[in-house]
Amino acid sequence: MSSIYWLICFIVMIGIELGTLALTTIWFAGGALAAFFLSLSGAGIEAQLLVFVAVSFLLLFFTRPWAARYLNRRTVKTNAESLVGRTARITEEVNNRLGTGTAVVNGQEWTARALDDAAVYPEGTLTVIREIRGVKLMVEVEKEKEQEVM
């Protein structure tokens, strides 16, 4: 009888995954399928539950990073996260110790701070946005351009 419940669980998990496409329940569907086959062999409910949990965890732990990397490649970055990796022009000296600095990217002015606390970037410097912390761009000069300046 438990075979039917595992099969229903598998179908429900697949249905939820098809409805959301968020890679949230597919791992549990694999666990339910493994428990279903185990139940067909006559194993007890404790063994089935153990296999369900173990297979679900293993699938989640070992395949989720791969699936997230390769299946979500076409996800379009929006808003601020799309700025990471882009070039920004410093419009006011960036000096973390003094708490100063602004940069312009895409015609918008942002507060900017150097990724390296000791770095100071004068007005007009082209920098690369490495990350965004709150409402501040964390910038640094590309290593190639830094060597050209020196």
C-alpha atoms as a PDB file:
ATOM      1  CA  MET A   1       0.000   0.000   0.000  1.00  0.00           C
ATOM      2  CA  SER A   2       2.865   2.411   0.721  1.00  0.00           C
ATOM      3  CA  SER A   3       3.921   2.079  -2.924  1.00  0.00           C
ATOM      4  CA  ILE A   4       0.857   4.031  -3.963  1.00  0.00           C
ATOM      5  CA  TYR A   5       1.661   6.828  -1.514  1.00  0.00           C
ATOM      6  CA  TRP A   6       5.232   7.109  -2.773  1.00  0.00           C
ATOM      7  CA  LEU A   7       3.965   7.187  -6.351  1.00  0.00           C
ATOM      8  CA  ILE A   8       1.470   9.927  -5.441  1.00  0.00           C
ATOM      9  CA  CYS A   9       4.251  11.851  -3.669  1.00  0.00           C
ATOM     10  CA  PHE A  10       6.440  11.521  -6.777  1.00  0.00           C
ATOM     11  CA  ILE A  11       3.673  12.782  -9.089  1.00  0.00           C
ATOM     12  CA  VAL A  12       2.823  15.701  -6.779  1.00  0.00           C
ATOM     13  CA  MET A  13       6.500  16.741  -6.549  1.00  0.00           C
ATOM     14  CA  ILE A  14       6.917  16.579 -10.327  1.00  0.00           C
ATOM     15  CA  GLY A  15       3.681  18.562 -10.744  1.00  0.00           C
ATOM     16  CA  ILE A  16       4.884  21.271  -8.369  1.00  0.00           C
ATOM     17  CA  GLU A  17       8.251  21.413 -10.159  1.00  0.00           C
ATOM     18  CA  LEU A  18       6.577  21.723 -13.564  1.00  0.00           C
ATOM     19  CA  GLY A  19       4.374  24.481 -12.194  1.00  0.00           C
ATOM     20  CA  THR A  20       7.189  26.527 -10.676  1.00  0.00           C
ATOM     21  CA  LEU A  21      10.342  25.554 -12.618  1.00  0.00           C
ATOM     22  CA  ALA A  22      12.292  26.789  -9.592  1.00  0.00           C
ATOM     23  CA  LEU A  23      14.270  23.612  -8.862  1.00  0.00           C
ATOM     24  CA  THR A  24      12.662  23.252  -5.463  1.00  0.00           C
ATOM     25  CA  THR A  25      10.910  19.882  -5.389  1.00  0.00           C
ATOM     26  CA  ILE A  26      12.688  17.846  -8.055  1.00  0.00           C
ATOM     27  CA  TRP A  27      15.137  16.518  -5.461  1.00  0.00           C
ATOM     28  CA  PHE A  28      12.298  15.172  -3.332  1.00  0.00           C
ATOM     29  CA  ALA A  29      10.707  13.588  -6.388  1.00  0.00           C
ATOM     30  CA  GLY A  30      13.908  11.578  -6.827  1.00  0.00           C
ATOM     31  CA  GLY A  31      13.756  10.505  -3.189  1.00  0.00           C
ATOM     32  CA  ALA A  32      10.101   9.505  -3.546  1.00  0.00           C
ATOM     33  CA  LEU A  33      10.924   7.472  -6.647  1.00  0.00           C
ATOM     34  CA  ALA A  34      13.720   5.632  -4.821  1.00  0.00           C
ATOM     35  CA  ALA A  35      11.388   4.947  -1.871  1.00  0.00           C
ATOM     36  CA  PHE A  36       8.713   3.740  -4.315  1.00  0.00           C
ATOM     37  CA  PHE A  37      11.053   1.131  -5.787  1.00  0.00           C
ATOM     38  CA  LEU A  38      12.160   0.093  -2.308  1.00  0.00           C
ATOM     39  CA  SER A  39       8.531  -0.342  -1.246  1.00  0.00           C
ATOM     40  CA  LEU A  40       7.944  -2.608  -4.249  1.00  0.00           C
ATOM     41  CA  SER A  41      10.723  -4.867  -2.947  1.00  0.00           C
ATOM     42  CA  GLY A  42       8.848  -5.265   0.338  1.00  0.00           C
ATOM     43  CA  ALA A  43      11.081  -3.144   2.597  1.00  0.00           C
ATOM     44  CA  GLY A  44       9.599  -1.669   5.759  1.00  0.00           C
ATOM     45  CA  ILE A  45       8.344   1.898   6.058  1.00  0.00           C
ATOM     46  CA  GLU A  46      11.360   2.902   8.185  1.00  0.00           C
ATOM     47  CA  ALA A  47      13.746   1.848   5.424  1.00  0.00           C
ATOM     48  CA  GLN A  48      11.610   3.651   2.844  1.00  0.00           C
ATOM     49  CA  LEU A  49      11.640   6.871   4.829  1.00  0.00           C
ATOM     50  CA  LEU A  50      15.385   6.586   5.368  1.00  0.00           C
ATOM     51  CA  VAL A  51      15.976   6.076   1.634  1.00  0.00           C
ATOM     52  CA  PHE A  52      13.627   8.961   0.803  1.00  0.00           C
ATOM     53  CA  VAL A  53      15.513  11.354   3.081  1.00  0.00           C
ATOM     54  CA  ALA A  54      18.968  10.099   2.069  1.00  0.00           C
ATOM     55  CA  VAL A  55      18.362  10.176  -1.693  1.00  0.00           C
ATOM     56  CA  SER A  56      16.639  13.566  -1.518  1.00  0.00           C
ATOM     57  CA  PHE A  57      19.542  15.026   0.482  1.00  0.00           C
ATOM     58  CA  LEU A  58      22.189  13.511  -1.796  1.00  0.00           C
ATOM     59  CA  LEU A  59      20.449  14.783  -4.927  1.00  0.00           C
ATOM     60  CA  LEU A  60      20.034  18.221  -3.390  1.00  0.00           C
ATOM     61  CA  PHE A  61      23.611  18.402  -2.128  1.00  0.00           C
ATOM     62  CA  PHE A  62      25.403  17.057  -5.201  1.00  0.00           C
ATOM     63  CA  THR A  63      23.285  18.158  -8.159  1.00  0.00           C
ATOM     64  CA  ARG A  64      21.724  21.476  -7.131  1.00  0.00           C
ATOM     65  CA  PRO A  65      24.907  23.569  -7.602  1.00  0.00           C
ATOM     66  CA  TRP A  66      25.412  22.067 -11.051  1.00  0.00           C
ATOM     67  CA  ALA A  67      21.760  22.492 -12.022  1.00  0.00           C
ATOM     68  CA  ALA A  68      21.597  26.069 -10.740  1.00  0.00           C
ATOM     69  CA  ARG A  69      24.731  26.971 -12.693  1.00  0.00           C
ATOM     70  CA  TYR A  70      23.793  25.380 -16.008  1.00  0.00           C
ATOM     71  CA  LEU A  71      20.009  25.579 -16.066  1.00  0.00           C
ATOM     72  CA  ASN A  72      19.697  29.211 -14.938  1.00  0.00           C
ATOM     73  CA  ARG A  73      22.293  30.657 -17.316  1.00  0.00           C
ATOM     74  CA  ARG A  74      19.701  32.583 -19.272  1.00  0.00           C
ATOM     75  CA  THR A  75      18.379  34.380 -16.213  1.00  0.00           C
ATOM     76  CA  VAL A  76      18.617  38.063 -16.961  1.00  0.00           C
ATOM     77  CA  LYS A  77      20.200  40.067 -14.194  1.00  0.00           C
ATOM     78  CA  THR A  78      18.064  43.011 -13.236  1.00  0.00           C
ATOM     79  CA  ASN A  79      18.527  46.281 -11.476  1.00  0.00           C
ATOM     80  CA  ALA A  80      21.659  46.726  -9.410  1.00  0.00           C
ATOM     81  CA  GLU A  81      23.073  43.223  -9.853  1.00  0.00           C
ATOM     82  CA  SER A  82      23.437  43.880 -13.585  1.00  0.00           C
ATOM     83  CA  LEU A  83      26.041  46.566 -12.789  1.00  0.00           C
ATOM     84  CA  VAL A  84      28.612  44.126 -11.377  1.00  0.00           C
ATOM     85  CA  GLY A  85      31.490  43.817 -13.830  1.00  0.00           C
ATOM     86  CA  ARG A  86      30.682  47.065 -15.643  1.00  0.00           C
ATOM     87  CA  THR A  87      32.871  50.147 -15.852  1.00  0.00           C
ATOM     88  CA  ALA A  88      32.163  53.230 -13.747  1.00  0.00           C
ATOM     89  CA  ARG A  89      33.777  56.687 -14.023  1.00  0.00           C
ATOM     90  CA  ILE A  90      34.762  58.306 -10.743  1.00  0.00           C
ATOM     91  CA  THR A  91      33.256  61.800 -10.419  1.00  0.00           C
ATOM     92  CA  GLU A  92      34.465  62.554  -6.875  1.00  0.00           C
ATOM     93  CA  GLU A  93      37.641  61.116  -5.359  1.00  0.00           C
ATOM     94  CA  VAL A  94      37.056  57.706  -3.789  1.00  0.00           C
ATOM     95  CA  ASN A  95      38.727  57.584  -0.386  1.00  0.00           C
ATOM     96  CA  ASN A  96      37.354  55.093   2.130  1.00  0.00           C
ATOM     97  CA  ARG A  97      39.155  56.689   5.066  1.00  0.00           C
ATOM     98  CA  LEU A  98      37.493  60.044   4.393  1.00  0.00           C
ATOM     99  CA  GLY A  99      34.192  58.441   3.383  1.00  0.00           C
ATOM    100  CA  THR A 100      34.108  60.191   0.014  1.00  0.00           C
ATOM    101  CA  GLY A 101      33.480  59.038  -3.500  1.00  0.00           C
ATOM    102  CA  THR A 102      30.923  59.000  -6.245  1.00  0.00           C
ATOM    103  CA  ALA A 103      30.831  57.307  -9.606  1.00  0.00           C
ATOM    104  CA  VAL A 104      28.665  57.443 -12.686  1.00  0.00           C
ATOM    105  CA  VAL A 105      27.459  54.357 -14.485  1.00  0.00           C
ATOM    106  CA  ASN A 106      24.736  54.381 -17.141  1.00  0.00           C
ATOM    107  CA  GLY A 107      24.179  58.070 -16.481  1.00  0.00           C
ATOM    108  CA  GLN A 108      23.308  57.462 -12.831  1.00  0.00           C
ATOM    109  CA  GLU A 109      25.382  58.721  -9.946  1.00  0.00           C
ATOM    110  CA  TRP A 110      26.206  56.254  -7.176  1.00  0.00           C
ATOM    111  CA  THR A 111      28.127  56.424  -3.932  1.00  0.00           C
ATOM    112  CA  ALA A 112      31.375  54.560  -4.525  1.00  0.00           C
ATOM    113  CA  ARG A 113      33.917  52.978  -2.236  1.00  0.00           C
ATOM    114  CA  ALA A 114      37.184  51.225  -3.025  1.00  0.00           C
ATOM    115  CA  LEU A 115      37.200  47.472  -2.591  1.00  0.00           C
ATOM    116  CA  ASP A 116      40.660  47.872  -1.027  1.00  0.00           C
ATOM    117  CA  ASP A 117      40.384  50.258   1.953  1.00  0.00           C
ATOM    118  CA  ALA A 118      43.861  51.696   1.291  1.00  0.00           C
ATOM    119  CA  ALA A 119      43.173  52.556  -2.353  1.00  0.00           C
ATOM    120  CA  VAL A 120      42.349  56.116  -3.419  1.00  0.00           C
ATOM    121  CA  TYR A 121      40.944  56.786  -6.889  1.00  0.00           C
ATOM    122  CA  PRO A 122      41.024  60.366  -8.223  1.00  0.00           C
ATOM    123  CA  GLU A 123      38.257  61.980 -10.241  1.00  0.00           C
ATOM    124  CA  GLY A 124      38.117  60.704 -13.814  1.00  0.00           C
ATOM    125  CA  THR A 125      39.477  57.228 -13.047  1.00  0.00           C
ATOM    126  CA  LEU A 126      37.740  54.352 -14.802  1.00  0.00           C
ATOM    127  CA  THR A 127      36.987  51.542 -12.379  1.00  0.00           C
ATOM    128  CA  VAL A 128      35.268  48.180 -12.485  1.00  0.00           C
ATOM    129  CA  ILE A 129      32.308  47.487 -10.230  1.00  0.00           C
ATOM    130  CA  ARG A 130      33.106  44.326  -8.256  1.00  0.00           C
ATOM    131  CA  GLU A 131      30.076  44.211  -5.972  1.00  0.00           C
ATOM    132  CA  ILE A 132      27.283  46.266  -4.487  1.00  0.00           C
ATOM    133  CA  ARG A 133      26.905  46.681  -0.719  1.00  0.00           C
ATOM    134  CA  GLY A 134      23.667  48.339   0.147  1.00  0.00           C
ATOM    135  CA  VAL A 135      23.590  51.445  -2.073  1.00  0.00           C
ATOM    136  CA  LYS A 136      27.348  51.688  -2.598  1.00  0.00           C
ATOM    137  CA  LEU A 137      29.353  50.485  -5.547  1.00  0.00           C
ATOM    138  CA  MET A 138      32.495  48.644  -4.488  1.00  0.00           C
ATOM    139  CA  VAL A 139      35.015  49.444  -7.203  1.00  0.00           C
ATOM    140  CA  GLU A 140      38.621  48.823  -8.130  1.00  0.00           C
ATOM    141  CA  VAL A 141      40.885  49.656 -11.033  1.00  0.00           C
ATOM    142  CA  GLU A 142      41.508  46.720 -13.335  1.00  0.00           C
ATOM    143  CA  LYS A 143      44.987  45.314 -12.815  1.00  0.00           C
ATOM    144  CA  GLU A 144      45.908  45.845 -16.499  1.00  0.00           C
ATOM    145  CA  LYS A 145      44.867  49.509 -16.438  1.00  0.00           C
ATOM    146  CA  GLU A 146      46.577  50.057 -13.095  1.00  0.00           C
ATOM    147  CA  GLN A 147      49.892  48.881 -14.565  1.00  0.00           C
ATOM    148  CA  GLU A 148      49.456  51.177 -17.598  1.00  0.00           C
ATOM    149  CA  VAL A 149      49.025  54.193 -15.296  1.00  0.00           C
ATOM    150  CA  MET A 150      52.233  53.386 -13.389  1.00  0.00           C
END
